[in-house]
Amino acid sequence: MTDDRTDPSFTDEEYAFLRHVRFGELPRVARPEERVELTETEPRRDRPEPHDDPERWDLRHG
């Protein structure tokens, strides 16, 4: 069996246009002087403060 169908071949400019239509424009790049360094001020809180042994917390809520 042969496939008589031919897929369209796009140029680089046409692919660029299709990307622009689909995704829009990229956000502007932040310059180095606009960037800031972040410092965490508080520890992460993914678990409540343990009031008793942490192993018991795991057994109780695991």
C-alpha atoms as a PDB file:
ATOM      1  CA  MET A   1       0.000   0.000   0.000  1.00  0.00           C
ATOM      2  CA  THR A   2       1.219   3.426  -0.818  1.00  0.00           C
ATOM      3  CA  ASP A   3       0.113   6.698   0.643  1.00  0.00           C
ATOM      4  CA  ASP A   4      -0.808   9.110  -2.166  1.00  0.00           C
ATOM      5  CA  ARG A   5      -1.446  11.928   0.272  1.00  0.00           C
ATOM      6  CA  THR A   6       1.224  14.635   0.424  1.00  0.00           C
ATOM      7  CA  ASP A   7       1.573  16.714   3.559  1.00  0.00           C
ATOM      8  CA  PRO A   8       2.061  20.435   3.043  1.00  0.00           C
ATOM      9  CA  SER A   9       5.589  21.643   3.634  1.00  0.00           C
ATOM     10  CA  PHE A  10       5.919  25.005   5.334  1.00  0.00           C
ATOM     11  CA  THR A  11       8.774  27.464   5.157  1.00  0.00           C
ATOM     12  CA  ASP A  12      10.498  28.759   8.287  1.00  0.00           C
ATOM     13  CA  GLU A  13       8.579  32.032   7.971  1.00  0.00           C
ATOM     14  CA  GLU A  14       5.258  30.184   7.785  1.00  0.00           C
ATOM     15  CA  TYR A  15       6.147  28.084  10.840  1.00  0.00           C
ATOM     16  CA  ALA A  16       7.087  31.273  12.701  1.00  0.00           C
ATOM     17  CA  PHE A  17       3.730  32.812  11.776  1.00  0.00           C
ATOM     18  CA  LEU A  18       1.839  29.707  12.924  1.00  0.00           C
ATOM     19  CA  ARG A  19       3.716  29.721  16.269  1.00  0.00           C
ATOM     20  CA  HIS A  20       2.880  33.399  16.716  1.00  0.00           C
ATOM     21  CA  VAL A  21      -0.814  32.765  15.974  1.00  0.00           C
ATOM     22  CA  ARG A  22      -0.943  29.841  18.387  1.00  0.00           C
ATOM     23  CA  PHE A  23       1.126  31.176  21.301  1.00  0.00           C
ATOM     24  CA  GLY A  24       1.229  34.947  20.817  1.00  0.00           C
ATOM     25  CA  GLU A  25       4.229  37.055  21.703  1.00  0.00           C
ATOM     26  CA  LEU A  26       6.787  36.082  24.283  1.00  0.00           C
ATOM     27  CA  PRO A  27       6.993  38.265  27.388  1.00  0.00           C
ATOM     28  CA  ARG A  28       9.840  40.728  27.359  1.00  0.00           C
ATOM     29  CA  VAL A  29      13.102  39.555  28.887  1.00  0.00           C
ATOM     30  CA  ALA A  30      13.963  40.927  32.335  1.00  0.00           C
ATOM     31  CA  ARG A  31      17.296  42.691  32.245  1.00  0.00           C
ATOM     32  CA  PRO A  32      19.882  41.779  34.923  1.00  0.00           C
ATOM     33  CA  GLU A  33      19.421  45.099  36.740  1.00  0.00           C
ATOM     34  CA  GLU A  34      15.653  44.403  36.983  1.00  0.00           C
ATOM     35  CA  ARG A  35      16.164  41.035  38.667  1.00  0.00           C
ATOM     36  CA  VAL A  36      16.154  40.641  42.428  1.00  0.00           C
ATOM     37  CA  GLU A  37      17.358  37.842  44.671  1.00  0.00           C
ATOM     38  CA  LEU A  38      14.660  36.316  46.833  1.00  0.00           C
ATOM     39  CA  THR A  39      15.327  35.292  50.405  1.00  0.00           C
ATOM     40  CA  GLU A  40      12.960  32.994  52.255  1.00  0.00           C
ATOM     41  CA  THR A  41      11.981  34.624  55.520  1.00  0.00           C
ATOM     42  CA  GLU A  42      10.066  31.774  57.149  1.00  0.00           C
ATOM     43  CA  PRO A  43      10.494  27.995  56.992  1.00  0.00           C
ATOM     44  CA  ARG A  44       8.174  25.999  54.774  1.00  0.00           C
ATOM     45  CA  ARG A  45       4.985  24.880  56.488  1.00  0.00           C
ATOM     46  CA  ASP A  46       3.942  21.638  54.828  1.00  0.00           C
ATOM     47  CA  ARG A  47       3.240  19.938  58.163  1.00  0.00           C
ATOM     48  CA  PRO A  48       1.698  21.322  61.352  1.00  0.00           C
ATOM     49  CA  GLU A  49       3.874  22.041  64.357  1.00  0.00           C
ATOM     50  CA  PRO A  50       4.382  18.732  66.178  1.00  0.00           C
ATOM     51  CA  HIS A  51       3.059  18.740  69.731  1.00  0.00           C
ATOM     52  CA  ASP A  52       4.398  15.296  70.390  1.00  0.00           C
ATOM     53  CA  ASP A  53       6.725  12.735  68.812  1.00  0.00           C
ATOM     54  CA  PRO A  54       6.908  13.082  64.971  1.00  0.00           C
ATOM     55  CA  GLU A  55       6.789   9.293  64.562  1.00  0.00           C
ATOM     56  CA  ARG A  56       3.427   9.211  66.307  1.00  0.00           C
ATOM     57  CA  TRP A  57       2.225  11.969  63.959  1.00  0.00           C
ATOM     58  CA  ASP A  58       3.144   9.772  60.963  1.00  0.00           C
ATOM     59  CA  LEU A  59       1.354   6.748  62.453  1.00  0.00           C
ATOM     60  CA  ARG A  60      -1.728   8.760  63.312  1.00  0.00           C
ATOM     61  CA  HIS A  61      -2.087  10.568  59.964  1.00  0.00           C
ATOM     62  CA  GLY A  62      -0.230   8.243  57.601  1.00  0.00           C
END
